[in-house]
C-alpha atoms as a PDB file:
ATOM      1  CA  UNK A   1      51.437  76.188 184.579  1.00  0.00           C
ATOM      2  CA  UNK A   2      50.480  78.677 187.347  1.00  0.00           C
ATOM      3  CA  UNK A   3      50.946  78.891 191.131  1.00  0.00           C
ATOM      4  CA  UNK A   4      48.414  79.726 193.792  1.00  0.00           C
ATOM      5  CA  UNK A   5      48.631  83.468 193.047  1.00  0.00           C
ATOM      6  CA  UNK A   6      47.715  82.838 189.450  1.00  0.00           C
ATOM      7  CA  UNK A   7      51.282  83.525 188.163  1.00  0.00           C
ATOM      8  CA  UNK A   8      52.833  81.472 185.527  1.00  0.00           C
ATOM      9  CA  UNK A   9      56.275  80.014 186.133  1.00  0.00           C
ATOM     10  CA  UNK A  10      57.922  82.461 183.764  1.00  0.00           C
ATOM     11  CA  UNK A  11      56.413  85.422 185.583  1.00  0.00           C
ATOM     12  CA  UNK A  12      57.549  84.010 188.921  1.00  0.00           C
ATOM     13  CA  UNK A  13      61.151  83.622 187.724  1.00  0.00           C
ATOM     14  CA  UNK A  14      61.210  87.192 186.353  1.00  0.00           C
ATOM     15  CA  UNK A  15      59.802  88.596 189.600  1.00  0.00           C
ATOM     16  CA  UNK A  16      62.353  86.723 191.661  1.00  0.00           C
ATOM     17  CA  UNK A  17      65.230  87.966 189.483  1.00  0.00           C
ATOM     18  CA  UNK A  18      64.107  91.571 189.603  1.00  0.00           C
ATOM     19  CA  UNK A  19      63.764  91.491 193.364  1.00  0.00           C
ATOM     20  CA  UNK A  20      67.309  90.167 193.689  1.00  0.00           C
ATOM     21  CA  UNK A  21      68.754  93.173 191.773  1.00  0.00           C
ATOM     22  CA  UNK A  22      66.477  95.762 193.384  1.00  0.00           C
ATOM     23  CA  UNK A  23      64.279  96.423 190.396  1.00  0.00           C
ATOM     24  CA  UNK A  24      60.577  96.304 190.717  1.00  0.00           C
ATOM     25  CA  UNK A  25      58.606  94.285 188.275  1.00  0.00           C
ATOM     26  CA  UNK A  26      57.291  96.398 185.488  1.00  0.00           C
ATOM     27  CA  UNK A  27      59.250  99.495 186.612  1.00  0.00           C
ATOM     28  CA  UNK A  28      60.847 101.595 183.999  1.00  0.00           C
ATOM     29  CA  UNK A  29      64.572 101.575 183.804  1.00  0.00           C
ATOM     30  CA  UNK A  30      66.101 104.758 185.122  1.00  0.00           C
ATOM     31  CA  UNK A  31      67.480 107.147 182.560  1.00  0.00           C
ATOM     32  CA  UNK A  32      71.258 107.071 182.372  1.00  0.00           C
ATOM     33  CA  UNK A  33      72.983 109.879 184.184  1.00  0.00           C
ATOM     34  CA  UNK A  34      74.925 112.287 182.063  1.00  0.00           C
ATOM     35  CA  UNK A  35      78.659 111.675 182.172  1.00  0.00           C
ATOM     36  CA  UNK A  36      80.558 114.015 184.407  1.00  0.00           C
ATOM     37  CA  UNK A  37      82.657 116.562 182.601  1.00  0.00           C
ATOM     38  CA  UNK A  38      86.335 115.810 182.835  1.00  0.00           C
ATOM     39  CA  UNK A  39      88.317 118.904 183.902  1.00  0.00           C
ATOM     40  CA  UNK A  40      90.938 120.018 181.421  1.00  0.00           C
ATOM     41  CA  UNK A  41      94.121 118.170 182.106  1.00  0.00           C
ATOM     42  CA  UNK A  42      97.531 119.753 182.373  1.00  0.00           C
ATOM     43  CA  UNK A  43      99.681 119.630 179.263  1.00  0.00           C
ATOM     44  CA  UNK A  44     102.089 116.793 178.936  1.00  0.00           C
ATOM     45  CA  UNK A  45     105.814 117.371 179.477  1.00  0.00           C
ATOM     46  CA  UNK A  46     106.480 116.640 175.824  1.00  0.00           C
ATOM     47  CA  UNK A  47     104.028 119.420 174.854  1.00  0.00           C
ATOM     48  CA  UNK A  48     105.928 121.963 176.987  1.00  0.00           C
ATOM     49  CA  UNK A  49     109.205 120.871 175.413  1.00  0.00           C
ATOM     50  CA  UNK A  50     107.782 121.441 171.944  1.00  0.00           C
ATOM     51  CA  UNK A  51     106.539 124.851 173.059  1.00  0.00           C
ATOM     52  CA  UNK A  52     109.929 125.967 174.408  1.00  0.00           C
ATOM     53  CA  UNK A  53     111.933 124.789 171.417  1.00  0.00           C
ATOM     54  CA  UNK A  54     109.530 125.965 168.751  1.00  0.00           C
ATOM     55  CA  UNK A  55     108.541 129.274 170.295  1.00  0.00           C
ATOM     56  CA  UNK A  56     104.833 128.487 169.758  1.00  0.00           C
ATOM     57  CA  UNK A  57     101.829 128.574 172.023  1.00  0.00           C
ATOM     58  CA  UNK A  58      99.897 125.895 173.797  1.00  0.00           C
ATOM     59  CA  UNK A  59      96.569 127.094 172.418  1.00  0.00           C
ATOM     60  CA  UNK A  60      97.078 125.659 168.946  1.00  0.00           C
ATOM     61  CA  UNK A  61      94.055 124.113 167.304  1.00  0.00           C
ATOM     62  CA  UNK A  62      95.770 120.726 167.240  1.00  0.00           C
ATOM     63  CA  UNK A  63      95.040 119.133 170.638  1.00  0.00           C
ATOM     64  CA  UNK A  64      96.250 115.780 171.574  1.00  0.00           C
ATOM     65  CA  UNK A  65      94.523 113.643 174.131  1.00  0.00           C
ATOM     66  CA  UNK A  66      95.950 110.637 175.782  1.00  0.00           C
ATOM     67  CA  UNK A  67      93.711 108.351 177.792  1.00  0.00           C
ATOM     68  CA  UNK A  68      94.906 106.167 180.513  1.00  0.00           C
ATOM     69  CA  UNK A  69      92.962 103.560 182.363  1.00  0.00           C
ATOM     70  CA  UNK A  70      93.939 102.418 185.790  1.00  0.00           C
ATOM     71  CA  UNK A  71      92.237  99.350 187.141  1.00  0.00           C
ATOM     72  CA  UNK A  72      91.573  99.098 190.887  1.00  0.00           C
ATOM     73  CA  UNK A  73      89.877  95.920 192.002  1.00  0.00           C
ATOM     74  CA  UNK A  74      86.837  95.295 189.826  1.00  0.00           C
ATOM     75  CA  UNK A  75      86.404  98.958 188.898  1.00  0.00           C
ATOM     76  CA  UNK A  76      88.003 100.911 186.086  1.00  0.00           C
ATOM     77  CA  UNK A  77      88.852 104.590 186.301  1.00  0.00           C
ATOM     78  CA  UNK A  78      89.207 106.551 183.064  1.00  0.00           C
ATOM     79  CA  UNK A  79      90.901 109.952 182.733  1.00  0.00           C
ATOM     80  CA  UNK A  80      92.275 111.980 179.873  1.00  0.00           C
ATOM     81  CA  UNK A  81      95.052 114.556 179.546  1.00  0.00           C
ATOM     82  CA  UNK A  82      94.534 117.260 176.977  1.00  0.00           C
ATOM     83  CA  UNK A  83      96.436 120.386 175.983  1.00  0.00           C
ATOM     84  CA  UNK A  84      95.028 123.303 177.901  1.00  0.00           C
ATOM     85  CA  UNK A  85      94.875 126.906 176.796  1.00  0.00           C
ATOM     86  CA  UNK A  86      97.864 128.016 178.852  1.00  0.00           C
ATOM     87  CA  UNK A  87     100.541 130.451 177.759  1.00  0.00           C
ATOM     88  CA  UNK A  88     103.969 129.772 179.257  1.00  0.00           C
ATOM     89  CA  UNK A  89     106.471 132.642 179.519  1.00  0.00           C
ATOM     90  CA  UNK A  90     108.928 132.757 176.619  1.00  0.00           C
ATOM     91  CA  UNK A  91     112.504 131.748 177.521  1.00  0.00           C
ATOM     92  CA  UNK A  92     115.275 132.982 175.201  1.00  0.00           C
ATOM     93  CA  UNK A  93     118.386 130.856 175.281  1.00  0.00           C
ATOM     94  CA  UNK A  94     121.710 132.572 174.417  1.00  0.00           C
ATOM     95  CA  UNK A  95     123.122 131.493 171.103  1.00  0.00           C
ATOM     96  CA  UNK A  96     126.730 131.965 169.944  1.00  0.00           C
ATOM     97  CA  UNK A  97     126.234 133.624 166.572  1.00  0.00           C
ATOM     98  CA  UNK A  98     128.858 135.037 164.151  1.00  0.00           C
ATOM     99  CA  UNK A  99     129.128 138.289 166.113  1.00  0.00           C
ATOM    100  CA  UNK A 100     130.045 136.515 169.337  1.00  0.00           C
ATOM    101  CA  UNK A 101     132.626 134.439 167.492  1.00  0.00           C
ATOM    102  CA  UNK A 102     134.104 137.564 165.856  1.00  0.00           C
ATOM    103  CA  UNK A 103     134.239 139.367 169.200  1.00  0.00           C
ATOM    104  CA  UNK A 104     136.016 136.430 170.808  1.00  0.00           C
ATOM    105  CA  UNK A 105     138.526 136.205 167.953  1.00  0.00           C
ATOM    106  CA  UNK A 106     139.188 139.955 168.161  1.00  0.00           C
ATOM    107  CA  UNK A 107     139.854 139.809 171.891  1.00  0.00           C
ATOM    108  CA  UNK A 108     142.165 136.835 171.443  1.00  0.00           C
ATOM    109  CA  UNK A 109     144.068 138.582 168.657  1.00  0.00           C
ATOM    110  CA  UNK A 110     144.409 141.759 170.725  1.00  0.00           C
ATOM    111  CA  UNK A 111     145.777 139.739 173.630  1.00  0.00           C
ATOM    112  CA  UNK A 112     148.322 138.026 171.379  1.00  0.00           C
ATOM    113  CA  UNK A 113     149.418 141.315 169.814  1.00  0.00           C
ATOM    114  CA  UNK A 114     149.920 142.994 173.182  1.00  0.00           C
ATOM    115  CA  UNK A 115     151.882 140.009 174.446  1.00  0.00           C
ATOM    116  CA  UNK A 116     154.087 139.864 171.350  1.00  0.00           C
ATOM    117  CA  UNK A 117     154.529 143.659 171.310  1.00  0.00           C
ATOM    118  CA  UNK A 118     155.965 143.713 174.821  1.00  0.00           C
ATOM    119  CA  UNK A 119     158.000 140.528 174.481  1.00  0.00           C
ATOM    120  CA  UNK A 120     161.766 140.849 174.152  1.00  0.00           C
ATOM    121  CA  UNK A 121     161.697 137.869 171.801  1.00  0.00           C
ATOM    122  CA  UNK A 122     160.335 140.068 169.011  1.00  0.00           C
ATOM    123  CA  UNK A 123     162.538 143.109 169.714  1.00  0.00           C
ATOM    124  CA  UNK A 124     165.076 143.925 166.988  1.00  0.00           C
ATOM    125  CA  UNK A 125     168.581 144.233 168.376  1.00  0.00           C
ATOM    126  CA  UNK A 126     170.200 145.485 165.154  1.00  0.00           C
ATOM    127  CA  UNK A 127     169.685 145.336 161.417  1.00  0.00           C
ATOM    128  CA  UNK A 128     171.837 143.033 159.322  1.00  0.00           C
ATOM    129  CA  UNK A 129     173.591 144.933 156.536  1.00  0.00           C
ATOM    130  CA  UNK A 130     174.471 143.236 153.265  1.00  0.00           C
ATOM    131  CA  UNK A 131     176.123 144.508 150.083  1.00  0.00           C
ATOM    132  CA  UNK A 132     177.760 147.585 151.613  1.00  0.00           C
ATOM    133  CA  UNK A 133     181.378 148.479 150.901  1.00  0.00           C
ATOM    134  CA  UNK A 134     181.677 151.857 152.576  1.00  0.00           C
ATOM    135  CA  UNK A 135     178.424 152.200 154.528  1.00  0.00           C
ATOM    136  CA  UNK A 136     178.566 150.830 158.090  1.00  0.00           C
ATOM    137  CA  UNK A 137     175.969 148.894 160.070  1.00  0.00           C
ATOM    138  CA  UNK A 138     176.034 151.506 162.827  1.00  0.00           C
ATOM    139  CA  UNK A 139     175.078 154.249 160.364  1.00  0.00           C
ATOM    140  CA  UNK A 140     172.188 152.181 158.991  1.00  0.00           C
ATOM    141  CA  UNK A 141     170.813 151.368 162.457  1.00  0.00           C
ATOM    142  CA  UNK A 142     171.096 154.998 163.536  1.00  0.00           C
ATOM    143  CA  UNK A 143     169.116 156.101 160.473  1.00  0.00           C
ATOM    144  CA  UNK A 144     166.385 153.475 160.906  1.00  0.00           C
ATOM    145  CA  UNK A 145     166.027 153.795 164.693  1.00  0.00           C
ATOM    146  CA  UNK A 146     164.695 150.248 164.913  1.00  0.00           C
ATOM    147  CA  UNK A 147     167.024 148.867 167.573  1.00  0.00           C
ATOM    148  CA  UNK A 148     165.054 147.717 170.627  1.00  0.00           C
ATOM    149  CA  UNK A 149     161.715 148.142 168.841  1.00  0.00           C
ATOM    150  CA  UNK A 150     159.239 145.309 168.059  1.00  0.00           C
ATOM    151  CA  UNK A 151     159.818 143.807 164.646  1.00  0.00           C
ATOM    152  CA  UNK A 152     156.138 144.468 163.852  1.00  0.00           C
ATOM    153  CA  UNK A 153     156.853 148.219 163.643  1.00  0.00           C
ATOM    154  CA  UNK A 154     159.159 147.717 160.666  1.00  0.00           C
ATOM    155  CA  UNK A 155     157.625 148.941 157.404  1.00  0.00           C
ATOM    156  CA  UNK A 156     160.047 147.985 154.597  1.00  0.00           C
ATOM    157  CA  UNK A 157     158.843 150.591 152.083  1.00  0.00           C
ATOM    158  CA  UNK A 158     159.243 153.421 154.588  1.00  0.00           C
ATOM    159  CA  UNK A 159     162.650 152.162 155.652  1.00  0.00           C
ATOM    160  CA  UNK A 160     163.869 152.022 152.057  1.00  0.00           C
ATOM    161  CA  UNK A 161     162.752 155.609 151.457  1.00  0.00           C
ATOM    162  CA  UNK A 162     164.483 156.669 154.689  1.00  0.00           C
ATOM    163  CA  UNK A 163     167.741 154.986 153.707  1.00  0.00           C
ATOM    164  CA  UNK A 164     167.727 156.459 150.203  1.00  0.00           C
ATOM    165  CA  UNK A 165     167.074 159.955 151.557  1.00  0.00           C
ATOM    166  CA  UNK A 166     169.758 159.732 154.253  1.00  0.00           C
ATOM    167  CA  UNK A 167     172.329 158.033 152.042  1.00  0.00           C
ATOM    168  CA  UNK A 168     172.208 159.376 148.460  1.00  0.00           C
ATOM    169  CA  UNK A 169     175.282 157.270 147.711  1.00  0.00           C
ATOM    170  CA  UNK A 170     172.945 154.256 147.561  1.00  0.00           C
ATOM    171  CA  UNK A 171     171.617 153.406 144.120  1.00  0.00           C
ATOM    172  CA  UNK A 172     169.262 150.717 145.501  1.00  0.00           C
ATOM    173  CA  UNK A 173     168.105 149.357 148.846  1.00  0.00           C
ATOM    174  CA  UNK A 174     165.730 146.703 150.143  1.00  0.00           C
ATOM    175  CA  UNK A 175     164.532 145.679 153.598  1.00  0.00           C
ATOM    176  CA  UNK A 176     163.407 142.181 154.592  1.00  0.00           C
ATOM    177  CA  UNK A 177     161.629 141.402 157.862  1.00  0.00           C
ATOM    178  CA  UNK A 178     161.663 137.948 159.443  1.00  0.00           C
ATOM    179  CA  UNK A 179     160.374 136.489 162.704  1.00  0.00           C
ATOM    180  CA  UNK A 180     161.018 136.570 165.488  1.00  0.00           C
ATOM    181  CA  UNK A 181     163.274 139.669 165.351  1.00  0.00           C
ATOM    182  CA  UNK A 182     165.272 139.628 162.128  1.00  0.00           C
ATOM    183  CA  UNK A 183     165.741 142.687 159.942  1.00  0.00           C
ATOM    184  CA  UNK A 184     167.945 142.416 156.857  1.00  0.00           C
ATOM    185  CA  UNK A 185     168.996 145.479 154.847  1.00  0.00           C
ATOM    186  CA  UNK A 186     170.537 144.948 151.400  1.00  0.00           C
ATOM    187  CA  UNK A 187     172.084 147.935 149.643  1.00  0.00           C
ATOM    188  CA  UNK A 188     173.871 148.760 146.405  1.00  0.00           C
ATOM    189  CA  UNK A 189     176.299 151.654 146.620  1.00  0.00           C
ATOM    190  CA  UNK A 190     177.033 154.066 143.814  1.00  0.00           C
ATOM    191  CA  UNK A 191     180.451 153.991 142.166  1.00  0.00           C
ATOM    192  CA  UNK A 192     181.938 157.489 142.194  1.00  0.00           C
ATOM    193  CA  UNK A 193     183.909 158.704 139.177  1.00  0.00           C
ATOM    194  CA  UNK A 194     184.528 162.370 139.937  1.00  0.00           C
ATOM    195  CA  UNK A 195     185.744 164.156 143.046  1.00  0.00           C
ATOM    196  CA  UNK A 196     184.038 167.489 142.415  1.00  0.00           C
ATOM    197  CA  UNK A 197     185.512 170.381 144.395  1.00  0.00           C
ATOM    198  CA  UNK A 198     183.509 173.603 144.563  1.00  0.00           C
ATOM    199  CA  UNK A 199     183.531 176.416 147.126  1.00  0.00           C
ATOM    200  CA  UNK A 200     185.851 174.445 149.367  1.00  0.00           C
ATOM    201  CA  UNK A 201     183.607 171.342 149.553  1.00  0.00           C
ATOM    202  CA  UNK A 202     184.252 167.994 147.846  1.00  0.00           C
ATOM    203  CA  UNK A 203     181.415 165.931 146.405  1.00  0.00           C
ATOM    204  CA  UNK A 204     181.537 162.601 144.678  1.00  0.00           C
ATOM    205  CA  UNK A 205     179.664 162.158 141.411  1.00  0.00           C
ATOM    206  CA  UNK A 206     178.813 158.881 139.672  1.00  0.00           C
ATOM    207  CA  UNK A 207     178.127 158.090 136.021  1.00  0.00           C
ATOM    208  CA  UNK A 208     174.485 159.178 136.365  1.00  0.00           C
ATOM    209  CA  UNK A 209     175.526 162.631 137.521  1.00  0.00           C
ATOM    210  CA  UNK A 210     174.244 162.017 141.095  1.00  0.00           C
ATOM    211  CA  UNK A 211     176.255 163.886 143.722  1.00  0.00           C
ATOM    212  CA  UNK A 212     176.748 162.503 147.248  1.00  0.00           C
ATOM    213  CA  UNK A 213     179.075 163.072 150.192  1.00  0.00           C
ATOM    214  CA  UNK A 214     182.376 161.174 150.211  1.00  0.00           C
ATOM    215  CA  UNK A 215     182.436 158.041 152.350  1.00  0.00           C
ATOM    216  CA  UNK A 216     185.532 155.964 152.914  1.00  0.00           C
ATOM    217  CA  UNK A 217     188.298 155.865 150.327  1.00  0.00           C
ATOM    218  CA  UNK A 218     188.023 155.163 146.591  1.00  0.00           C
ATOM    219  CA  UNK A 219     191.031 154.939 144.308  1.00  0.00           C
ATOM    220  CA  UNK A 220     191.207 156.385 140.794  1.00  0.00           C
ATOM    221  CA  UNK A 221     188.752 159.292 141.161  1.00  0.00           C
ATOM    222  CA  UNK A 222     189.106 162.171 138.699  1.00  0.00           C
ATOM    223  CA  UNK A 223     189.622 165.419 140.617  1.00  0.00           C
ATOM    224  CA  UNK A 224     187.698 168.365 139.195  1.00  0.00           C
ATOM    225  CA  UNK A 225     188.195 171.927 140.416  1.00  0.00           C
ATOM    226  CA  UNK A 226     185.001 173.855 139.554  1.00  0.00           C
ATOM    227  CA  UNK A 227     184.788 177.640 139.558  1.00  0.00           C
ATOM    228  CA  UNK A 228     180.986 177.625 139.412  1.00  0.00           C
ATOM    229  CA  UNK A 229     177.800 175.580 139.231  1.00  0.00           C
ATOM    230  CA  UNK A 230     177.218 173.544 136.059  1.00  0.00           C
ATOM    231  CA  UNK A 231     174.215 174.269 133.847  1.00  0.00           C
ATOM    232  CA  UNK A 232     170.885 173.366 135.399  1.00  0.00           C
ATOM    233  CA  UNK A 233     169.412 170.077 134.241  1.00  0.00           C
ATOM    234  CA  UNK A 234     165.797 169.425 133.380  1.00  0.00           C
ATOM    235  CA  UNK A 235     164.627 167.411 136.385  1.00  0.00           C
ATOM    236  CA  UNK A 236     161.813 164.889 136.725  1.00  0.00           C
ATOM    237  CA  UNK A 237     159.405 166.394 139.250  1.00  0.00           C
ATOM    238  CA  UNK A 238     157.947 162.968 140.076  1.00  0.00           C
ATOM    239  CA  UNK A 239     161.350 161.544 141.044  1.00  0.00           C
ATOM    240  CA  UNK A 240     162.578 161.874 144.642  1.00  0.00           C
ATOM    241  CA  UNK A 241     165.315 164.385 145.413  1.00  0.00           C
ATOM    242  CA  UNK A 242     167.996 161.736 145.854  1.00  0.00           C
ATOM    243  CA  UNK A 243     167.583 160.757 142.194  1.00  0.00           C
ATOM    244  CA  UNK A 244     168.075 164.288 140.804  1.00  0.00           C
ATOM    245  CA  UNK A 245     171.455 164.536 139.034  1.00  0.00           C
ATOM    246  CA  UNK A 246     173.847 167.390 139.697  1.00  0.00           C
ATOM    247  CA  UNK A 247     175.725 166.973 136.413  1.00  0.00           C
ATOM    248  CA  UNK A 248     174.405 165.824 133.078  1.00  0.00           C
ATOM    249  CA  UNK A 249     175.480 162.212 132.471  1.00  0.00           C
ATOM    250  CA  UNK A 250     177.035 163.163 129.103  1.00  0.00           C
ATOM    251  CA  UNK A 251     179.204 165.787 130.837  1.00  0.00           C
ATOM    252  CA  UNK A 252     180.478 163.175 133.281  1.00  0.00           C
ATOM    253  CA  UNK A 253     181.340 160.960 130.341  1.00  0.00           C
ATOM    254  CA  UNK A 254     183.124 163.894 128.643  1.00  0.00           C
ATOM    255  CA  UNK A 255     185.352 164.441 131.672  1.00  0.00           C
ATOM    256  CA  UNK A 256     186.168 160.735 131.845  1.00  0.00           C
ATOM    257  CA  UNK A 257     187.100 160.836 128.146  1.00  0.00           C
ATOM    258  CA  UNK A 258     189.216 163.995 128.456  1.00  0.00           C
ATOM    259  CA  UNK A 259     191.083 162.967 131.602  1.00  0.00           C
ATOM    260  CA  UNK A 260     193.697 160.741 129.892  1.00  0.00           C
ATOM    261  CA  UNK A 261     194.841 163.717 127.770  1.00  0.00           C
ATOM    262  CA  UNK A 262     195.717 165.870 130.762  1.00  0.00           C
ATOM    263  CA  UNK A 263     199.411 166.408 131.520  1.00  0.00           C
ATOM    264  CA  UNK A 264     200.772 164.318 134.333  1.00  0.00           C
ATOM    265  CA  UNK A 265     199.878 165.663 137.773  1.00  0.00           C
ATOM    266  CA  UNK A 266     197.447 168.300 136.477  1.00  0.00           C
ATOM    267  CA  UNK A 267     193.953 168.740 137.918  1.00  0.00           C
ATOM    268  CA  UNK A 268     190.967 169.058 135.616  1.00  0.00           C
ATOM    269  CA  UNK A 269     189.053 172.316 135.859  1.00  0.00           C
ATOM    270  CA  UNK A 270     185.515 173.332 135.057  1.00  0.00           C
ATOM    271  CA  UNK A 271     184.220 176.768 134.159  1.00  0.00           C
ATOM    272  CA  UNK A 272     180.479 177.415 133.664  1.00  0.00           C
ATOM    273  CA  UNK A 273     181.240 179.551 130.597  1.00  0.00           C
ATOM    274  CA  UNK A 274     184.057 177.656 128.856  1.00  0.00           C
ATOM    275  CA  UNK A 275     183.447 174.134 130.066  1.00  0.00           C
ATOM    276  CA  UNK A 276     186.072 171.564 131.117  1.00  0.00           C
ATOM    277  CA  UNK A 277     189.809 171.859 130.713  1.00  0.00           C
ATOM    278  CA  UNK A 278     192.912 172.374 132.816  1.00  0.00           C
ATOM    279  CA  UNK A 279     195.481 174.943 133.805  1.00  0.00           C
ATOM    280  CA  UNK A 280     198.622 174.522 131.757  1.00  0.00           C
ATOM    281  CA  UNK A 281     201.899 174.779 133.662  1.00  0.00           C
ATOM    282  CA  UNK A 282     203.152 177.260 131.071  1.00  0.00           C
ATOM    283  CA  UNK A 283     200.741 179.877 132.362  1.00  0.00           C
ATOM    284  CA  UNK A 284     197.437 179.647 130.550  1.00  0.00           C
ATOM    285  CA  UNK A 285     194.086 177.854 130.834  1.00  0.00           C
ATOM    286  CA  UNK A 286     192.708 175.590 128.131  1.00  0.00           C
ATOM    287  CA  UNK A 287     189.035 174.639 127.706  1.00  0.00           C
ATOM    288  CA  UNK A 288     187.308 172.006 125.565  1.00  0.00           C
ATOM    289  CA  UNK A 289     183.679 172.959 126.057  1.00  0.00           C
ATOM    290  CA  UNK A 290     180.811 171.024 127.606  1.00  0.00           C
ATOM    291  CA  UNK A 291     180.750 167.831 125.501  1.00  0.00           C
ATOM    292  CA  UNK A 292     182.953 164.937 124.440  1.00  0.00           C
ATOM    293  CA  UNK A 293     182.475 165.387 120.734  1.00  0.00           C
ATOM    294  CA  UNK A 294     185.754 165.240 118.765  1.00  0.00           C
ATOM    295  CA  UNK A 295     188.067 165.214 121.774  1.00  0.00           C
ATOM    296  CA  UNK A 296     191.040 163.766 119.815  1.00  0.00           C
ATOM    297  CA  UNK A 297     190.603 166.399 117.095  1.00  0.00           C
ATOM    298  CA  UNK A 298     190.329 169.178 119.674  1.00  0.00           C
ATOM    299  CA  UNK A 299     193.587 167.999 121.228  1.00  0.00           C
ATOM    300  CA  UNK A 300     195.325 168.279 117.832  1.00  0.00           C
ATOM    301  CA  UNK A 301     193.930 171.757 117.225  1.00  0.00           C
ATOM    302  CA  UNK A 302     194.995 172.872 120.695  1.00  0.00           C
ATOM    303  CA  UNK A 303     198.556 171.609 120.154  1.00  0.00           C
ATOM    304  CA  UNK A 304     198.753 173.408 116.822  1.00  0.00           C
ATOM    305  CA  UNK A 305     197.673 176.697 118.432  1.00  0.00           C
ATOM    306  CA  UNK A 306     200.244 176.301 121.202  1.00  0.00           C
ATOM    307  CA  UNK A 307     203.008 175.649 118.707  1.00  0.00           C
ATOM    308  CA  UNK A 308     202.023 178.681 116.678  1.00  0.00           C
ATOM    309  CA  UNK A 309     201.822 181.018 119.678  1.00  0.00           C
ATOM    310  CA  UNK A 310     205.116 179.739 121.071  1.00  0.00           C
ATOM    311  CA  UNK A 311     206.891 180.268 117.769  1.00  0.00           C
ATOM    312  CA  UNK A 312     205.573 183.812 117.628  1.00  0.00           C
ATOM    313  CA  UNK A 313     206.510 184.507 121.245  1.00  0.00           C
ATOM    314  CA  UNK A 314     202.902 185.095 122.305  1.00  0.00           C
ATOM    315  CA  UNK A 315     201.947 184.291 125.917  1.00  0.00           C
ATOM    316  CA  UNK A 316     198.229 183.576 126.060  1.00  0.00           C
ATOM    317  CA  UNK A 317     196.099 183.481 129.222  1.00  0.00           C
ATOM    318  CA  UNK A 318     193.287 181.330 127.780  1.00  0.00           C
ATOM    319  CA  UNK A 319     192.882 178.996 124.825  1.00  0.00           C
ATOM    320  CA  UNK A 320     189.476 177.594 123.836  1.00  0.00           C
ATOM    321  CA  UNK A 321     188.898 174.850 121.318  1.00  0.00           C
ATOM    322  CA  UNK A 322     185.245 174.275 122.235  1.00  0.00           C
ATOM    323  CA  UNK A 323     184.278 174.948 118.608  1.00  0.00           C
ATOM    324  CA  UNK A 324     186.649 173.436 116.049  1.00  0.00           C
ATOM    325  CA  UNK A 325     185.604 175.905 113.392  1.00  0.00           C
ATOM    326  CA  UNK A 326     186.173 178.871 115.706  1.00  0.00           C
ATOM    327  CA  UNK A 327     188.956 178.328 118.224  1.00  0.00           C
ATOM    328  CA  UNK A 328     190.352 181.409 119.954  1.00  0.00           C
ATOM    329  CA  UNK A 329     192.839 182.527 122.540  1.00  0.00           C
ATOM    330  CA  UNK A 330     193.259 185.470 124.844  1.00  0.00           C
END
């Protein structure tokens, strides 16, 4: 079927439709316009956070793109956010590592030490003395010089050496330190046996042969009047001076053994050449040598010599029974 212009109905409908949408019949469709280039979007906030924490860069090959569509009326607008090639300045955050912790602990410790050092709570008023019989607390504190000082200055080993050097009459000593300000000194005193008198000075001597100044009063000491220095003893060079004996221990034991044989009220004597003995009231000196060997036998020999000399009317000045096989008199 055709109209007056010779068009069929289908051609007429197509022409009418194309005129409604502004397209001419038979015209070629326009070529599609190229899509506009989307400018590089700014990096997302999450991308910056990853950069700061990881210390990386924003120009990594991995690029994320997020597309958002916002609808306004009947139109749709599309945009995309991509990671741009932007370098942000590096930000270093302070971190508390082991060195900072050590520095803080050192400062705190220094503060505590200074506070405790200057506090009267930790100042030693006086040392407590235990085990002493003749040594006084005042003498110990004067030797240590610790009164009024912080307890932290007390070094037990040094204090023990100081006490032993200042007081040779101590056979042992120990020092114990306790907080806040306690200082305990325990001592063991030597037991003197001899009161050795030489050149006008009196010295006490114990069983080990150690000599020390008299302190206090001790009953039952054996008085010895020496005319000279006893034989020198082989000393241990590694031992401190306060442990060096003045008399050989066996000589001390010899004097203790001989003492009961002395006449009543007579003082024991010592001569470097003839040894120990006494001055007899009848006008002579008797000597028994340097050792305790055969003391009872030497006493018998001595009495026999005295009886013989008395019967013969001989007045000796010296009798020696140091050697039993060769006694003599002068």
